[in-house]
Amino acid sequence: MRVDKWLSAVNVVKRRTVATDMLKSGVVLVNCMLAKASKEVKIGDKVTIEYLKGAKSYEVLQIPVTKTIPKSQKEMYVKEL
């Protein structure tokens, strides 16, 4: 799954356009490398978002098969590090 779709599907960001803008700005890293929106994420990848107040890291646990998942199931798909 593309990293921009994954970020919005697992409720890390609210909209896919926000995720795409973050990727264009160069604040999203996948496995410590700058990522483009088309970068494929796999189970076990580490996604880091560098906010102004500090960075947040997430680990990909599962790839969702639907466009979005319920917020109550977020822990099944992503783990905040």
C-alpha atoms as a PDB file:
ATOM      1  CA  MET A   1       0.000   0.000   0.000  1.00  0.00           C
ATOM      2  CA  ARG A   2       1.224   3.519  -0.761  1.00  0.00           C
ATOM      3  CA  VAL A   3       2.484   5.415   2.270  1.00  0.00           C
ATOM      4  CA  ASP A   4       0.050   8.324   1.757  1.00  0.00           C
ATOM      5  CA  LYS A   5      -2.918   5.923   1.623  1.00  0.00           C
ATOM      6  CA  TRP A   6      -1.612   4.039   4.663  1.00  0.00           C
ATOM      7  CA  LEU A   7      -1.244   7.209   6.753  1.00  0.00           C
ATOM      8  CA  SER A   8      -4.855   8.201   6.121  1.00  0.00           C
ATOM      9  CA  ALA A   9      -6.289   4.661   6.283  1.00  0.00           C
ATOM     10  CA  VAL A  10      -4.914   3.959   9.772  1.00  0.00           C
ATOM     11  CA  ASN A  11      -5.945   7.408  11.071  1.00  0.00           C
ATOM     12  CA  VAL A  12      -2.447   8.845  11.587  1.00  0.00           C
ATOM     13  CA  VAL A  13      -3.519  11.895   9.548  1.00  0.00           C
ATOM     14  CA  LYS A  14      -7.092  12.985   8.834  1.00  0.00           C
ATOM     15  CA  ARG A  15      -6.989  13.191   5.035  1.00  0.00           C
ATOM     16  CA  ARG A  16      -4.892  11.743   2.261  1.00  0.00           C
ATOM     17  CA  THR A  17      -4.214  15.223   0.856  1.00  0.00           C
ATOM     18  CA  VAL A  18      -2.635  16.171   4.185  1.00  0.00           C
ATOM     19  CA  ALA A  19      -0.438  13.068   3.993  1.00  0.00           C
ATOM     20  CA  THR A  20       0.567  13.915   0.418  1.00  0.00           C
ATOM     21  CA  ASP A  21       1.482  17.479   1.427  1.00  0.00           C
ATOM     22  CA  MET A  22       3.586  16.150   4.309  1.00  0.00           C
ATOM     23  CA  LEU A  23       5.416  13.808   1.947  1.00  0.00           C
ATOM     24  CA  LYS A  24       6.062  16.636  -0.541  1.00  0.00           C
ATOM     25  CA  SER A  25       7.447  18.766   2.290  1.00  0.00           C
ATOM     26  CA  GLY A  26       9.939  16.061   3.195  1.00  0.00           C
ATOM     27  CA  VAL A  27       8.847  15.446   6.783  1.00  0.00           C
ATOM     28  CA  VAL A  28       7.927  11.754   6.368  1.00  0.00           C
ATOM     29  CA  LEU A  29      10.599   9.065   6.498  1.00  0.00           C
ATOM     30  CA  VAL A  30      10.152   5.350   5.865  1.00  0.00           C
ATOM     31  CA  ASN A  31      12.912   3.243   7.405  1.00  0.00           C
ATOM     32  CA  CYS A  32      15.017   6.418   7.976  1.00  0.00           C
ATOM     33  CA  MET A  33      14.847   7.465   4.299  1.00  0.00           C
ATOM     34  CA  LEU A  34      12.827  10.339   2.818  1.00  0.00           C
ATOM     35  CA  ALA A  35       9.704   8.972   1.180  1.00  0.00           C
ATOM     36  CA  LYS A  36       7.603   9.981  -1.790  1.00  0.00           C
ATOM     37  CA  ALA A  37       3.834   9.497  -1.798  1.00  0.00           C
ATOM     38  CA  SER A  38       4.160   6.438  -4.027  1.00  0.00           C
ATOM     39  CA  LYS A  39       6.518   4.609  -1.635  1.00  0.00           C
ATOM     40  CA  GLU A  40       5.133   1.180  -0.766  1.00  0.00           C
ATOM     41  CA  VAL A  41       4.966   0.285   2.928  1.00  0.00           C
ATOM     42  CA  LYS A  42       5.209  -3.274   4.167  1.00  0.00           C
ATOM     43  CA  ILE A  43       4.608  -4.982   7.493  1.00  0.00           C
ATOM     44  CA  GLY A  44       7.461  -4.141   9.853  1.00  0.00           C
ATOM     45  CA  ASP A  45       8.376  -0.800   8.237  1.00  0.00           C
ATOM     46  CA  LYS A  46       9.058   2.182  10.495  1.00  0.00           C
ATOM     47  CA  VAL A  47       7.348   5.437   9.464  1.00  0.00           C
ATOM     48  CA  THR A  48       8.588   8.658  11.101  1.00  0.00           C
ATOM     49  CA  ILE A  49       6.860  12.045  10.864  1.00  0.00           C
ATOM     50  CA  GLU A  50       8.962  15.052  11.857  1.00  0.00           C
ATOM     51  CA  TYR A  51       6.659  17.647  13.402  1.00  0.00           C
ATOM     52  CA  LEU A  52       7.887  21.065  14.537  1.00  0.00           C
ATOM     53  CA  LYS A  53       7.666  20.022  18.194  1.00  0.00           C
ATOM     54  CA  GLY A  54       9.396  16.667  17.664  1.00  0.00           C
ATOM     55  CA  ALA A  55       9.183  13.462  15.708  1.00  0.00           C
ATOM     56  CA  LYS A  56       6.688  10.615  16.052  1.00  0.00           C
ATOM     57  CA  SER A  57       7.478   7.108  14.873  1.00  0.00           C
ATOM     58  CA  TYR A  58       5.069   4.345  13.945  1.00  0.00           C
ATOM     59  CA  GLU A  59       5.526   0.681  13.075  1.00  0.00           C
ATOM     60  CA  VAL A  60       3.373  -0.956  10.392  1.00  0.00           C
ATOM     61  CA  LEU A  61       1.692  -4.006  11.943  1.00  0.00           C
ATOM     62  CA  GLN A  62      -0.854  -4.777   9.208  1.00  0.00           C
ATOM     63  CA  ILE A  63      -1.933  -3.393   5.859  1.00  0.00           C
ATOM     64  CA  PRO A  64      -5.652  -2.492   5.801  1.00  0.00           C
ATOM     65  CA  VAL A  65      -7.717  -3.850   2.925  1.00  0.00           C
ATOM     66  CA  THR A  66     -10.371  -1.107   3.169  1.00  0.00           C
ATOM     67  CA  LYS A  67     -10.086   2.625   2.575  1.00  0.00           C
ATOM     68  CA  THR A  68     -10.343   3.429   6.288  1.00  0.00           C
ATOM     69  CA  ILE A  69     -10.481   1.503   9.517  1.00  0.00           C
ATOM     70  CA  PRO A  70     -12.439   2.308  12.671  1.00  0.00           C
ATOM     71  CA  LYS A  71     -10.410   4.289  15.210  1.00  0.00           C
ATOM     72  CA  SER A  72     -11.055   1.539  17.760  1.00  0.00           C
ATOM     73  CA  GLN A  73      -9.036  -0.902  15.591  1.00  0.00           C
ATOM     74  CA  LYS A  74      -6.023   1.397  15.088  1.00  0.00           C
ATOM     75  CA  GLU A  75      -3.858  -0.664  17.485  1.00  0.00           C
ATOM     76  CA  MET A  76      -4.159  -3.685  15.171  1.00  0.00           C
ATOM     77  CA  TYR A  77      -2.593  -1.811  12.246  1.00  0.00           C
ATOM     78  CA  VAL A  78      -0.089   0.642  13.738  1.00  0.00           C
ATOM     79  CA  LYS A  79       2.080   0.830  16.862  1.00  0.00           C
ATOM     80  CA  GLU A  80       3.420   4.173  18.047  1.00  0.00           C
ATOM     81  CA  LEU A  81       7.061   3.908  19.030  1.00  0.00           C
END
